[in-house]
Amino acid sequence: MSSKILIVEDEIIIAIDLKIRLEDLGYYVPGIAVNGRDAIKKTGEKNPDIILMDILLNGDKDGIEVAQQIRNQYNIPIIYLTGNQNDSVIERAETTEPYGYINKPFDNNEIENAIQLAVSKNK
């Protein structure tokens, strides 16, 4: 059975591209969340195996804050999506104990490797 992956990305074109890539790789994407509130709600409803979270999510909470809340409530592995190599942002993200990072622009091999590592680490 393939992993169920929730995408949390505020740029809808990027989110749709990622959804297509994941489905082409054989994963099931039960939804896309575009902000923190939506991410928390869909996590509870969809019960994903893994969450791909935009690290700099727009809204009242960034991706790091949302990831921490999801981790506390649901303990679901999170892989950050990032185009940002800012050391202070990465240091903050590390406090949420992510299962990995996927850099933008996306590469299918990088996506696959990060997900496989998360699945393996979560067992």
PDB file of N, CA and C in Angstrom:
ATOM      1  N   MET A   1       0.845  -1.192   0.000  1.00  0.00           N
ATOM      2  CA  MET A   1       0.000   0.000   0.000  1.00  0.00           C
ATOM      3  C   MET A   1       0.882   1.244   0.000  1.00  0.00           C
ATOM      4  N   SER A   2       0.553   2.200  -0.849  1.00  0.00           N
ATOM      5  CA  SER A   2       1.373   3.410  -0.941  1.00  0.00           C
ATOM      6  C   SER A   2       1.037   4.375   0.192  1.00  0.00           C
ATOM      7  N   SER A   3       1.987   5.222   0.491  1.00  0.00           N
ATOM      8  CA  SER A   3       1.798   6.201   1.564  1.00  0.00           C
ATOM      9  C   SER A   3       0.782   7.262   1.169  1.00  0.00           C
ATOM     10  N   LYS A   4       0.038   7.719   2.158  1.00  0.00           N
ATOM     11  CA  LYS A   4      -0.949   8.788   1.998  1.00  0.00           C
ATOM     12  C   LYS A   4      -0.253  10.082   2.426  1.00  0.00           C
ATOM     13  N   ILE A   5      -0.146  11.040   1.496  1.00  0.00           N
ATOM     14  CA  ILE A   5       0.644  12.241   1.742  1.00  0.00           C
ATOM     15  C   ILE A   5      -0.212  13.495   1.594  1.00  0.00           C
ATOM     16  N   LEU A   6      -0.258  14.284   2.660  1.00  0.00           N
ATOM     17  CA  LEU A   6      -0.954  15.569   2.646  1.00  0.00           C
ATOM     18  C   LEU A   6       0.051  16.645   2.251  1.00  0.00           C
ATOM     19  N   ILE A   7      -0.340  17.505   1.324  1.00  0.00           N
ATOM     20  CA  ILE A   7       0.507  18.625   0.888  1.00  0.00           C
ATOM     21  C   ILE A   7       0.011  19.890   1.565  1.00  0.00           C
ATOM     22  N   VAL A   8       0.935  20.631   2.176  1.00  0.00           N
ATOM     23  CA  VAL A   8       0.617  21.928   2.765  1.00  0.00           C
ATOM     24  C   VAL A   8       1.502  22.945   2.062  1.00  0.00           C
ATOM     25  N   GLU A   9       0.899  23.689   1.141  1.00  0.00           N
ATOM     26  CA  GLU A   9       1.630  24.626   0.290  1.00  0.00           C
ATOM     27  C   GLU A   9       0.692  25.749  -0.100  1.00  0.00           C
ATOM     28  N   ASP A  10       1.086  27.008   0.165  1.00  0.00           N
ATOM     29  CA  ASP A  10       0.198  28.135  -0.115  1.00  0.00           C
ATOM     30  C   ASP A  10       0.219  28.601  -1.570  1.00  0.00           C
ATOM     31  N   GLU A  11       1.188  28.170  -2.338  1.00  0.00           N
ATOM     32  CA  GLU A  11       1.210  28.505  -3.769  1.00  0.00           C
ATOM     33  C   GLU A  11       0.576  27.343  -4.520  1.00  0.00           C
ATOM     34  N   ILE A  12      -0.669  27.549  -4.965  1.00  0.00           N
ATOM     35  CA  ILE A  12      -1.484  26.460  -5.502  1.00  0.00           C
ATOM     36  C   ILE A  12      -0.863  25.816  -6.738  1.00  0.00           C
ATOM     37  N   ILE A  13      -0.191  26.569  -7.579  1.00  0.00           N
ATOM     38  CA  ILE A  13       0.443  25.984  -8.772  1.00  0.00           C
ATOM     39  C   ILE A  13       1.537  25.007  -8.358  1.00  0.00           C
ATOM     40  N   ILE A  14       2.315  25.383  -7.353  1.00  0.00           N
ATOM     41  CA  ILE A  14       3.366  24.494  -6.831  1.00  0.00           C
ATOM     42  C   ILE A  14       2.726  23.255  -6.203  1.00  0.00           C
ATOM     43  N   ALA A  15       1.647  23.455  -5.452  1.00  0.00           N
ATOM     44  CA  ALA A  15       0.966  22.338  -4.795  1.00  0.00           C
ATOM     45  C   ALA A  15       0.410  21.348  -5.812  1.00  0.00           C
ATOM     46  N   ILE A  16      -0.198  21.844  -6.878  1.00  0.00           N
ATOM     47  CA  ILE A  16      -0.764  20.963  -7.906  1.00  0.00           C
ATOM     48  C   ILE A  16       0.349  20.210  -8.633  1.00  0.00           C
ATOM     49  N   ASP A  17       1.443  20.907  -8.944  1.00  0.00           N
ATOM     50  CA  ASP A  17       2.591  20.248  -9.578  1.00  0.00           C
ATOM     51  C   ASP A  17       3.107  19.115  -8.687  1.00  0.00           C
ATOM     52  N   LEU A  18       3.236  19.388  -7.405  1.00  0.00           N
ATOM     53  CA  LEU A  18       3.725  18.386  -6.463  1.00  0.00           C
ATOM     54  C   LEU A  18       2.746  17.214  -6.357  1.00  0.00           C
ATOM     55  N   LYS A  19       1.464  17.498  -6.335  1.00  0.00           N
ATOM     56  CA  LYS A  19       0.440  16.443  -6.279  1.00  0.00           C
ATOM     57  C   LYS A  19       0.566  15.515  -7.482  1.00  0.00           C
ATOM     58  N   ILE A  20       0.718  16.083  -8.655  1.00  0.00           N
ATOM     59  CA  ILE A  20       0.869  15.285  -9.883  1.00  0.00           C
ATOM     60  C   ILE A  20       2.131  14.425  -9.809  1.00  0.00           C
ATOM     61  N   ARG A  21       3.229  15.025  -9.358  1.00  0.00           N
ATOM     62  CA  ARG A  21       4.486  14.274  -9.228  1.00  0.00           C
ATOM     63  C   ARG A  21       4.328  13.101  -8.251  1.00  0.00           C
ATOM     64  N   LEU A  22       3.700  13.367  -7.103  1.00  0.00           N
ATOM     65  CA  LEU A  22       3.509  12.315  -6.104  1.00  0.00           C
ATOM     66  C   LEU A  22       2.642  11.183  -6.644  1.00  0.00           C
ATOM     67  N   GLU A  23       1.560  11.540  -7.315  1.00  0.00           N
ATOM     68  CA  GLU A  23       0.679  10.512  -7.885  1.00  0.00           C
ATOM     69  C   GLU A  23       1.398   9.718  -8.964  1.00  0.00           C
ATOM     70  N   ASP A  24       2.221  10.391  -9.776  1.00  0.00           N
ATOM     71  CA  ASP A  24       3.014   9.685 -10.789  1.00  0.00           C
ATOM     72  C   ASP A  24       4.008   8.712 -10.141  1.00  0.00           C
ATOM     73  N   LEU A  25       4.466   9.028  -8.927  1.00  0.00           N
ATOM     74  CA  LEU A  25       5.378   8.152  -8.193  1.00  0.00           C
ATOM     75  C   LEU A  25       4.641   7.044  -7.435  1.00  0.00           C
ATOM     76  N   GLY A  26       3.296   7.072  -7.507  1.00  0.00           N
ATOM     77  CA  GLY A  26       2.508   6.012  -6.897  1.00  0.00           C
ATOM     78  C   GLY A  26       1.952   6.317  -5.516  1.00  0.00           C
ATOM     79  N   TYR A  27       2.046   7.571  -5.081  1.00  0.00           N
ATOM     80  CA  TYR A  27       1.524   7.944  -3.765  1.00  0.00           C
ATOM     81  C   TYR A  27       0.098   8.447  -3.887  1.00  0.00           C
ATOM     82  N   TYR A  28      -0.638   8.366  -2.777  1.00  0.00           N
ATOM     83  CA  TYR A  28      -2.003   8.875  -2.719  1.00  0.00           C
ATOM     84  C   TYR A  28      -1.984  10.217  -2.003  1.00  0.00           C
ATOM     85  N   VAL A  29      -2.580  11.235  -2.627  1.00  0.00           N
ATOM     86  CA  VAL A  29      -2.651  12.578  -2.044  1.00  0.00           C
ATOM     87  C   VAL A  29      -4.115  12.875  -1.734  1.00  0.00           C
ATOM     88  N   PRO A  30      -4.496  12.782  -0.450  1.00  0.00           N
ATOM     89  CA  PRO A  30      -5.898  12.989  -0.084  1.00  0.00           C
ATOM     90  C   PRO A  30      -6.318  14.450  -0.058  1.00  0.00           C
ATOM     91  N   GLY A  31      -5.355  15.366  -0.178  1.00  0.00           N
ATOM     92  CA  GLY A  31      -5.722  16.771  -0.176  1.00  0.00           C
ATOM     93  C   GLY A  31      -4.528  17.696  -0.172  1.00  0.00           C
ATOM     94  N   ILE A  32      -4.868  18.971  -0.388  1.00  0.00           N
ATOM     95  CA  ILE A  32      -3.898  20.057  -0.343  1.00  0.00           C
ATOM     96  C   ILE A  32      -4.432  21.088   0.631  1.00  0.00           C
ATOM     97  N   ALA A  33      -3.603  21.511   1.557  1.00  0.00           N
ATOM     98  CA  ALA A  33      -3.968  22.580   2.489  1.00  0.00           C
ATOM     99  C   ALA A  33      -3.161  23.817   2.106  1.00  0.00           C
ATOM    100  N   VAL A  34      -3.806  24.988   2.170  1.00  0.00           N
ATOM    101  CA  VAL A  34      -3.136  26.217   1.733  1.00  0.00           C
ATOM    102  C   VAL A  34      -2.762  27.153   2.877  1.00  0.00           C
ATOM    103  N   ASN A  35      -3.145  26.777   4.107  1.00  0.00           N
ATOM    104  CA  ASN A  35      -2.759  27.585   5.269  1.00  0.00           C
ATOM    105  C   ASN A  35      -2.718  26.684   6.502  1.00  0.00           C
ATOM    106  N   GLY A  36      -2.257  27.233   7.600  1.00  0.00           N
ATOM    107  CA  GLY A  36      -2.084  26.453   8.819  1.00  0.00           C
ATOM    108  C   GLY A  36      -3.369  25.859   9.359  1.00  0.00           C
ATOM    109  N   ARG A  37      -4.398  26.655   9.418  1.00  0.00           N
ATOM    110  CA  ARG A  37      -5.687  26.177   9.946  1.00  0.00           C
ATOM    111  C   ARG A  37      -6.208  25.010   9.108  1.00  0.00           C
ATOM    112  N   ASP A  38      -6.127  25.167   7.783  1.00  0.00           N
ATOM    113  CA  ASP A  38      -6.563  24.123   6.860  1.00  0.00           C
ATOM    114  C   ASP A  38      -5.700  22.867   7.025  1.00  0.00           C
ATOM    115  N   ALA A  39      -4.405  23.046   7.256  1.00  0.00           N
ATOM    116  CA  ALA A  39      -3.483  21.911   7.427  1.00  0.00           C
ATOM    117  C   ALA A  39      -3.849  21.094   8.662  1.00  0.00           C
ATOM    118  N   ILE A  40      -4.116  21.765   9.746  1.00  0.00           N
ATOM    119  CA  ILE A  40      -4.453  21.074  10.996  1.00  0.00           C
ATOM    120  C   ILE A  40      -5.794  20.339  10.850  1.00  0.00           C
ATOM    121  N   LYS A  41      -6.763  21.007  10.234  1.00  0.00           N
ATOM    122  CA  LYS A  41      -8.077  20.403  10.018  1.00  0.00           C
ATOM    123  C   LYS A  41      -7.968  19.162   9.120  1.00  0.00           C
ATOM    124  N   LYS A  42      -7.265  19.295   7.985  1.00  0.00           N
ATOM    125  CA  LYS A  42      -7.155  18.172   7.048  1.00  0.00           C
ATOM    126  C   LYS A  42      -6.319  17.033   7.623  1.00  0.00           C
ATOM    127  N   THR A  43      -5.357  17.358   8.473  1.00  0.00           N
ATOM    128  CA  THR A  43      -4.575  16.302   9.114  1.00  0.00           C
ATOM    129  C   THR A  43      -5.494  15.433   9.959  1.00  0.00           C
ATOM    130  N   GLY A  44      -6.382  16.049  10.726  1.00  0.00           N
ATOM    131  CA  GLY A  44      -7.330  15.302  11.542  1.00  0.00           C
ATOM    132  C   GLY A  44      -8.323  14.510  10.713  1.00  0.00           C
ATOM    133  N   GLU A  45      -8.772  15.085   9.603  1.00  0.00           N
ATOM    134  CA  GLU A  45      -9.775  14.426   8.752  1.00  0.00           C
ATOM    135  C   GLU A  45      -9.181  13.309   7.894  1.00  0.00           C
ATOM    136  N   LYS A  46      -8.024  13.553   7.318  1.00  0.00           N
ATOM    137  CA  LYS A  46      -7.455  12.632   6.322  1.00  0.00           C
ATOM    138  C   LYS A  46      -6.478  11.613   6.899  1.00  0.00           C
ATOM    139  N   ASN A  47      -5.957  11.879   8.100  1.00  0.00           N
ATOM    140  CA  ASN A  47      -5.008  10.977   8.753  1.00  0.00           C
ATOM    141  C   ASN A  47      -3.885  10.534   7.811  1.00  0.00           C
ATOM    142  N   PRO A  48      -3.102  11.486   7.293  1.00  0.00           N
ATOM    143  CA  PRO A  48      -2.029  11.124   6.351  1.00  0.00           C
ATOM    144  C   PRO A  48      -0.897  10.376   7.045  1.00  0.00           C
ATOM    145  N   ASP A  49      -0.118   9.662   6.239  1.00  0.00           N
ATOM    146  CA  ASP A  49       1.072   8.977   6.740  1.00  0.00           C
ATOM    147  C   ASP A  49       2.241   9.948   6.873  1.00  0.00           C
ATOM    148  N   ILE A  50       2.275  10.926   5.960  1.00  0.00           N
ATOM    149  CA  ILE A  50       3.358  11.914   5.897  1.00  0.00           C
ATOM    150  C   ILE A  50       2.747  13.244   5.464  1.00  0.00           C
ATOM    151  N   ILE A  51       3.355  14.336   5.931  1.00  0.00           N
ATOM    152  CA  ILE A  51       2.938  15.669   5.491  1.00  0.00           C
ATOM    153  C   ILE A  51       4.131  16.358   4.852  1.00  0.00           C
ATOM    154  N   LEU A  52       3.908  16.907   3.663  1.00  0.00           N
ATOM    155  CA  LEU A  52       4.905  17.753   3.018  1.00  0.00           C
ATOM    156  C   LEU A  52       4.491  19.187   3.303  1.00  0.00           C
ATOM    157  N   MET A  53       5.294  19.907   4.084  1.00  0.00           N
ATOM    158  CA  MET A  53       4.933  21.212   4.632  1.00  0.00           C
ATOM    159  C   MET A  53       5.837  22.309   4.092  1.00  0.00           C
ATOM    160  N   ASP A  54       5.238  23.327   3.480  1.00  0.00           N
ATOM    161  CA  ASP A  54       5.988  24.509   3.074  1.00  0.00           C
ATOM    162  C   ASP A  54       6.553  25.169   4.332  1.00  0.00           C
ATOM    163  N   ILE A  55       7.848  25.326   4.397  1.00  0.00           N
ATOM    164  CA  ILE A  55       8.497  25.840   5.606  1.00  0.00           C
ATOM    165  C   ILE A  55       8.123  27.304   5.881  1.00  0.00           C
ATOM    166  N   LEU A  56       7.899  28.079   4.826  1.00  0.00           N
ATOM    167  CA  LEU A  56       7.542  29.496   4.980  1.00  0.00           C
ATOM    168  C   LEU A  56       6.103  29.743   4.542  1.00  0.00           C
ATOM    169  N   LEU A  57       5.204  28.960   5.059  1.00  0.00           N
ATOM    170  CA  LEU A  57       3.784  29.063   4.772  1.00  0.00           C
ATOM    171  C   LEU A  57       3.267  30.452   5.141  1.00  0.00           C
ATOM    172  N   ASN A  58       2.485  31.050   4.265  1.00  0.00           N
ATOM    173  CA  ASN A  58       1.882  32.357   4.550  1.00  0.00           C
ATOM    174  C   ASN A  58       0.730  32.193   5.534  1.00  0.00           C
ATOM    175  N   GLY A  59       0.395  33.261   6.215  1.00  0.00           N
ATOM    176  CA  GLY A  59      -0.723  33.235   7.152  1.00  0.00           C
ATOM    177  C   GLY A  59      -0.270  33.621   8.540  1.00  0.00           C
ATOM    178  N   ASP A  60      -1.162  33.414   9.516  1.00  0.00           N
ATOM    179  CA  ASP A  60      -0.841  33.822  10.879  1.00  0.00           C
ATOM    180  C   ASP A  60       0.204  32.918  11.522  1.00  0.00           C
ATOM    181  N   LYS A  61       0.410  31.702  10.977  1.00  0.00           N
ATOM    182  CA  LYS A  61       1.460  30.793  11.448  1.00  0.00           C
ATOM    183  C   LYS A  61       2.256  30.322  10.249  1.00  0.00           C
ATOM    184  N   ASP A  62       3.585  30.306  10.380  1.00  0.00           N
ATOM    185  CA  ASP A  62       4.384  29.773   9.280  1.00  0.00           C
ATOM    186  C   ASP A  62       4.395  28.244   9.368  1.00  0.00           C
ATOM    187  N   GLY A  63       5.029  27.613   8.405  1.00  0.00           N
ATOM    188  CA  GLY A  63       5.044  26.157   8.345  1.00  0.00           C
ATOM    189  C   GLY A  63       5.680  25.502   9.554  1.00  0.00           C
ATOM    190  N   ILE A  64       6.657  26.159  10.153  1.00  0.00           N
ATOM    191  CA  ILE A  64       7.331  25.602  11.321  1.00  0.00           C
ATOM    192  C   ILE A  64       6.377  25.546  12.516  1.00  0.00           C
ATOM    193  N   GLU A  65       5.636  26.633  12.731  1.00  0.00           N
ATOM    194  CA  GLU A  65       4.667  26.664  13.838  1.00  0.00           C
ATOM    195  C   GLU A  65       3.559  25.634  13.627  1.00  0.00           C
ATOM    196  N   VAL A  66       3.088  25.525  12.389  1.00  0.00           N
ATOM    197  CA  VAL A  66       2.034  24.557  12.075  1.00  0.00           C
ATOM    198  C   VAL A  66       2.559  23.134  12.261  1.00  0.00           C
ATOM    199  N   ALA A  67       3.785  22.893  11.815  1.00  0.00           N
ATOM    200  CA  ALA A  67       4.392  21.567  11.965  1.00  0.00           C
ATOM    201  C   ALA A  67       4.491  21.181  13.441  1.00  0.00           C
ATOM    202  N   GLN A  68       4.877  22.131  14.288  1.00  0.00           N
ATOM    203  CA  GLN A  68       4.996  21.841  15.720  1.00  0.00           C
ATOM    204  C   GLN A  68       3.633  21.473  16.308  1.00  0.00           C
ATOM    205  N   GLN A  69       2.601  22.202  15.908  1.00  0.00           N
ATOM    206  CA  GLN A  69       1.262  21.907  16.421  1.00  0.00           C
ATOM    207  C   GLN A  69       0.787  20.532  15.944  1.00  0.00           C
ATOM    208  N   ILE A  70       1.029  20.220  14.676  1.00  0.00           N
ATOM    209  CA  ILE A  70       0.629  18.912  14.140  1.00  0.00           C
ATOM    210  C   ILE A  70       1.425  17.805  14.837  1.00  0.00           C
ATOM    211  N   ARG A  71       2.694  18.054  15.041  1.00  0.00           N
ATOM    212  CA  ARG A  71       3.538  17.057  15.722  1.00  0.00           C
ATOM    213  C   ARG A  71       3.013  16.786  17.134  1.00  0.00           C
ATOM    214  N   ASN A  72       2.647  17.840  17.842  1.00  0.00           N
ATOM    215  CA  ASN A  72       2.124  17.691  19.204  1.00  0.00           C
ATOM    216  C   ASN A  72       0.775  16.968  19.235  1.00  0.00           C
ATOM    217  N   GLN A  73      -0.094  17.271  18.269  1.00  0.00           N
ATOM    218  CA  GLN A  73      -1.433  16.690  18.250  1.00  0.00           C
ATOM    219  C   GLN A  73      -1.488  15.298  17.638  1.00  0.00           C
ATOM    220  N   TYR A  74      -0.748  15.087  16.541  1.00  0.00           N
ATOM    221  CA  TYR A  74      -0.918  13.872  15.747  1.00  0.00           C
ATOM    222  C   TYR A  74       0.339  13.019  15.596  1.00  0.00           C
ATOM    223  N   ASN A  75       1.502  13.601  15.848  1.00  0.00           N
ATOM    224  CA  ASN A  75       2.773  12.888  15.708  1.00  0.00           C
ATOM    225  C   ASN A  75       2.941  12.234  14.334  1.00  0.00           C
ATOM    226  N   ILE A  76       2.674  13.005  13.290  1.00  0.00           N
ATOM    227  CA  ILE A  76       2.813  12.535  11.910  1.00  0.00           C
ATOM    228  C   ILE A  76       4.133  13.080  11.358  1.00  0.00           C
ATOM    229  N   PRO A  77       4.899  12.248  10.659  1.00  0.00           N
ATOM    230  CA  PRO A  77       6.167  12.706  10.087  1.00  0.00           C
ATOM    231  C   PRO A  77       5.962  13.879   9.124  1.00  0.00           C
ATOM    232  N   ILE A  78       6.847  14.862   9.247  1.00  0.00           N
ATOM    233  CA  ILE A  78       6.781  16.036   8.386  1.00  0.00           C
ATOM    234  C   ILE A  78       8.084  16.185   7.626  1.00  0.00           C
ATOM    235  N   ILE A  79       7.934  16.417   6.331  1.00  0.00           N
ATOM    236  CA  ILE A  79       9.059  16.742   5.465  1.00  0.00           C
ATOM    237  C   ILE A  79       8.819  18.173   5.001  1.00  0.00           C
ATOM    238  N   TYR A  80       9.809  19.019   5.203  1.00  0.00           N
ATOM    239  CA  TYR A  80       9.662  20.418   4.792  1.00  0.00           C
ATOM    240  C   TYR A  80       9.958  20.609   3.318  1.00  0.00           C
ATOM    241  N   LEU A  81       9.164  21.495   2.712  1.00  0.00           N
ATOM    242  CA  LEU A  81       9.399  21.971   1.357  1.00  0.00           C
ATOM    243  C   LEU A  81      10.038  23.345   1.505  1.00  0.00           C
ATOM    244  N   THR A  82      11.185  23.552   0.877  1.00  0.00           N
ATOM    245  CA  THR A  82      11.858  24.820   1.067  1.00  0.00           C
ATOM    246  C   THR A  82      12.605  25.299  -0.168  1.00  0.00           C
ATOM    247  N   GLY A  83      12.528  26.577  -0.377  1.00  0.00           N
ATOM    248  CA  GLY A  83      13.348  27.246  -1.374  1.00  0.00           C
ATOM    249  C   GLY A  83      14.286  28.180  -0.645  1.00  0.00           C
ATOM    250  N   ASN A  84      14.243  28.104   0.675  1.00  0.00           N
ATOM    251  CA  ASN A  84      14.969  29.024   1.548  1.00  0.00           C
ATOM    252  C   ASN A  84      16.111  28.283   2.220  1.00  0.00           C
ATOM    253  N   GLN A  85      17.303  28.788   2.054  1.00  0.00           N
ATOM    254  CA  GLN A  85      18.469  28.175   2.695  1.00  0.00           C
ATOM    255  C   GLN A  85      18.963  29.015   3.864  1.00  0.00           C
ATOM    256  N   ASN A  86      18.101  29.879   4.401  1.00  0.00           N
ATOM    257  CA  ASN A  86      18.446  30.747   5.517  1.00  0.00           C
ATOM    258  C   ASN A  86      18.723  29.902   6.762  1.00  0.00           C
ATOM    259  N   ASP A  87      19.929  30.055   7.320  1.00  0.00           N
ATOM    260  CA  ASP A  87      20.342  29.239   8.467  1.00  0.00           C
ATOM    261  C   ASP A  87      19.414  29.378   9.672  1.00  0.00           C
ATOM    262  N   SER A  88      18.944  30.592   9.953  1.00  0.00           N
ATOM    263  CA  SER A  88      18.088  30.771  11.127  1.00  0.00           C
ATOM    264  C   SER A  88      16.745  30.076  10.945  1.00  0.00           C
ATOM    265  N   VAL A  89      16.226  30.053   9.728  1.00  0.00           N
ATOM    266  CA  VAL A  89      14.956  29.352   9.454  1.00  0.00           C
ATOM    267  C   VAL A  89      15.165  27.844   9.609  1.00  0.00           C
ATOM    268  N   ILE A  90      16.261  27.340   9.074  1.00  0.00           N
ATOM    269  CA  ILE A  90      16.547  25.910   9.179  1.00  0.00           C
ATOM    270  C   ILE A  90      16.765  25.513  10.641  1.00  0.00           C
ATOM    271  N   GLU A  91      17.437  26.355  11.402  1.00  0.00           N
ATOM    272  CA  GLU A  91      17.638  26.078  12.834  1.00  0.00           C
ATOM    273  C   GLU A  91      16.301  25.991  13.568  1.00  0.00           C
ATOM    274  N   ARG A  92      15.382  26.922  13.262  1.00  0.00           N
ATOM    275  CA  ARG A  92      14.042  26.868  13.865  1.00  0.00           C
ATOM    276  C   ARG A  92      13.311  25.600  13.452  1.00  0.00           C
ATOM    277  N   ALA A  93      13.429  25.248  12.179  1.00  0.00           N
ATOM    278  CA  ALA A  93      12.744  24.057  11.668  1.00  0.00           C
ATOM    279  C   ALA A  93      13.257  22.795  12.359  1.00  0.00           C
ATOM    280  N   GLU A  94      14.537  22.756  12.655  1.00  0.00           N
ATOM    281  CA  GLU A  94      15.131  21.574  13.295  1.00  0.00           C
ATOM    282  C   GLU A  94      14.497  21.272  14.652  1.00  0.00           C
ATOM    283  N   THR A  95      13.977  22.281  15.325  1.00  0.00           N
ATOM    284  CA  THR A  95      13.355  22.054  16.640  1.00  0.00           C
ATOM    285  C   THR A  95      12.092  21.199  16.533  1.00  0.00           C
ATOM    286  N   THR A  96      11.523  21.088  15.344  1.00  0.00           N
ATOM    287  CA  THR A  96      10.316  20.273  15.147  1.00  0.00           C
ATOM    288  C   THR A  96      10.662  18.837  14.745  1.00  0.00           C
ATOM    289  N   GLU A  97      11.947  18.529  14.678  1.00  0.00           N
ATOM    290  CA  GLU A  97      12.436  17.194  14.328  1.00  0.00           C
ATOM    291  C   GLU A  97      11.833  16.668  13.023  1.00  0.00           C
ATOM    292  N   PRO A  98      12.066  17.403  11.919  1.00  0.00           N
ATOM    293  CA  PRO A  98      11.520  16.968  10.635  1.00  0.00           C
ATOM    294  C   PRO A  98      12.174  15.671  10.156  1.00  0.00           C
ATOM    295  N   TYR A  99      11.484  14.984   9.287  1.00  0.00           N
ATOM    296  CA  TYR A  99      12.010  13.748   8.715  1.00  0.00           C
ATOM    297  C   TYR A  99      12.824  14.024   7.460  1.00  0.00           C
ATOM    298  N   GLY A 100      12.885  15.278   7.034  1.00  0.00           N
ATOM    299  CA  GLY A 100      13.691  15.623   5.868  1.00  0.00           C
ATOM    300  C   GLY A 100      13.275  16.950   5.268  1.00  0.00           C
ATOM    301  N   TYR A 101      13.946  17.270   4.166  1.00  0.00           N
ATOM    302  CA  TYR A 101      13.703  18.502   3.417  1.00  0.00           C
ATOM    303  C   TYR A 101      13.675  18.166   1.942  1.00  0.00           C
ATOM    304  N   ILE A 102      12.812  18.853   1.222  1.00  0.00           N
ATOM    305  CA  ILE A 102      12.791  18.768  -0.239  1.00  0.00           C
ATOM    306  C   ILE A 102      12.948  20.192  -0.737  1.00  0.00           C
ATOM    307  N   ASN A 103      13.973  20.412  -1.550  1.00  0.00           N
ATOM    308  CA  ASN A 103      14.250  21.751  -2.063  1.00  0.00           C
ATOM    309  C   ASN A 103      13.412  22.066  -3.289  1.00  0.00           C
ATOM    310  N   LYS A 104      13.007  23.326  -3.368  1.00  0.00           N
ATOM    311  CA  LYS A 104      12.335  23.845  -4.560  1.00  0.00           C
ATOM    312  C   LYS A 104      13.422  24.414  -5.460  1.00  0.00           C
ATOM    313  N   PRO A 105      13.353  24.272  -6.765  1.00  0.00           N
ATOM    314  CA  PRO A 105      12.345  23.510  -7.516  1.00  0.00           C
ATOM    315  C   PRO A 105      12.512  22.004  -7.288  1.00  0.00           C
ATOM    316  N   PHE A 106      11.409  21.290  -7.421  1.00  0.00           N
ATOM    317  CA  PHE A 106      11.377  19.885  -7.083  1.00  0.00           C
ATOM    318  C   PHE A 106      12.091  19.007  -8.099  1.00  0.00           C
ATOM    319  N   ASP A 107      12.629  17.922  -7.583  1.00  0.00           N
ATOM    320  CA  ASP A 107      13.252  16.877  -8.382  1.00  0.00           C
ATOM    321  C   ASP A 107      12.615  15.559  -7.923  1.00  0.00           C
ATOM    322  N   ASN A 108      12.104  14.771  -8.857  1.00  0.00           N
ATOM    323  CA  ASN A 108      11.390  13.543  -8.487  1.00  0.00           C
ATOM    324  C   ASN A 108      12.246  12.588  -7.651  1.00  0.00           C
ATOM    325  N   ASN A 109      13.526  12.485  -7.962  1.00  0.00           N
ATOM    326  CA  ASN A 109      14.403  11.600  -7.175  1.00  0.00           C
ATOM    327  C   ASN A 109      14.520  12.099  -5.741  1.00  0.00           C
ATOM    328  N   GLU A 110      14.641  13.406  -5.572  1.00  0.00           N
ATOM    329  CA  GLU A 110      14.741  13.977  -4.228  1.00  0.00           C
ATOM    330  C   GLU A 110      13.443  13.744  -3.444  1.00  0.00           C
ATOM    331  N   ILE A 111      12.309  13.909  -4.118  1.00  0.00           N
ATOM    332  CA  ILE A 111      11.009  13.660  -3.485  1.00  0.00           C
ATOM    333  C   ILE A 111      10.926  12.207  -3.029  1.00  0.00           C
ATOM    334  N   GLU A 112      11.227  11.297  -3.945  1.00  0.00           N
ATOM    335  CA  GLU A 112      11.152   9.862  -3.645  1.00  0.00           C
ATOM    336  C   GLU A 112      12.091   9.484  -2.503  1.00  0.00           C
ATOM    337  N   ASN A 113      13.315   9.976  -2.535  1.00  0.00           N
ATOM    338  CA  ASN A 113      14.285   9.648  -1.492  1.00  0.00           C
ATOM    339  C   ASN A 113      13.844  10.166  -0.120  1.00  0.00           C
ATOM    340  N   ALA A 114      13.343  11.390  -0.079  1.00  0.00           N
ATOM    341  CA  ALA A 114      12.901  11.976   1.191  1.00  0.00           C
ATOM    342  C   ALA A 114      11.718  11.194   1.773  1.00  0.00           C
ATOM    343  N   ILE A 115      10.781  10.808   0.929  1.00  0.00           N
ATOM    344  CA  ILE A 115       9.617  10.061   1.401  1.00  0.00           C
ATOM    345  C   ILE A 115      10.023   8.672   1.881  1.00  0.00           C
ATOM    346  N   GLN A 116      10.865   7.998   1.121  1.00  0.00           N
ATOM    347  CA  GLN A 116      11.319   6.651   1.528  1.00  0.00           C
ATOM    348  C   GLN A 116      12.073   6.698   2.855  1.00  0.00           C
ATOM    349  N   LEU A 117      12.889   7.743   3.033  1.00  0.00           N
ATOM    350  CA  LEU A 117      13.614   7.893   4.285  1.00  0.00           C
ATOM    351  C   LEU A 117      12.649   8.127   5.445  1.00  0.00           C
ATOM    352  N   ALA A 118      11.636   8.949   5.226  1.00  0.00           N
ATOM    353  CA  ALA A 118      10.640   9.228   6.263  1.00  0.00           C
ATOM    354  C   ALA A 118       9.861   7.971   6.636  1.00  0.00           C
ATOM    355  N   VAL A 119       9.471   7.202   5.634  1.00  0.00           N
ATOM    356  CA  VAL A 119       8.731   5.960   5.876  1.00  0.00           C
ATOM    357  C   VAL A 119       9.600   5.005   6.695  1.00  0.00           C
ATOM    358  N   SER A 120      10.851   4.867   6.292  1.00  0.00           N
ATOM    359  CA  SER A 120      11.783   3.976   6.985  1.00  0.00           C
ATOM    360  C   SER A 120      12.028   4.427   8.415  1.00  0.00           C
ATOM    361  N   LYS A 121      12.242   5.739   8.602  1.00  0.00           N
ATOM    362  CA  LYS A 121      12.499   6.315   9.911  1.00  0.00           C
ATOM    363  C   LYS A 121      11.302   6.184  10.851  1.00  0.00           C
ATOM    364  N   ASN A 122      10.112   6.215  10.277  1.00  0.00           N
ATOM    365  CA  ASN A 122       8.884   6.192  11.073  1.00  0.00           C
ATOM    366  C   ASN A 122       8.484   4.793  11.529  1.00  0.00           C
ATOM    367  N   LYS A 123       9.086   3.759  10.965  1.00  0.00           N
ATOM    368  CA  LYS A 123       8.709   2.381  11.325  1.00  0.00           C
ATOM    369  C   LYS A 123       9.161   2.022  12.721  1.00  0.00           C
TER     370      LYS A 123
END
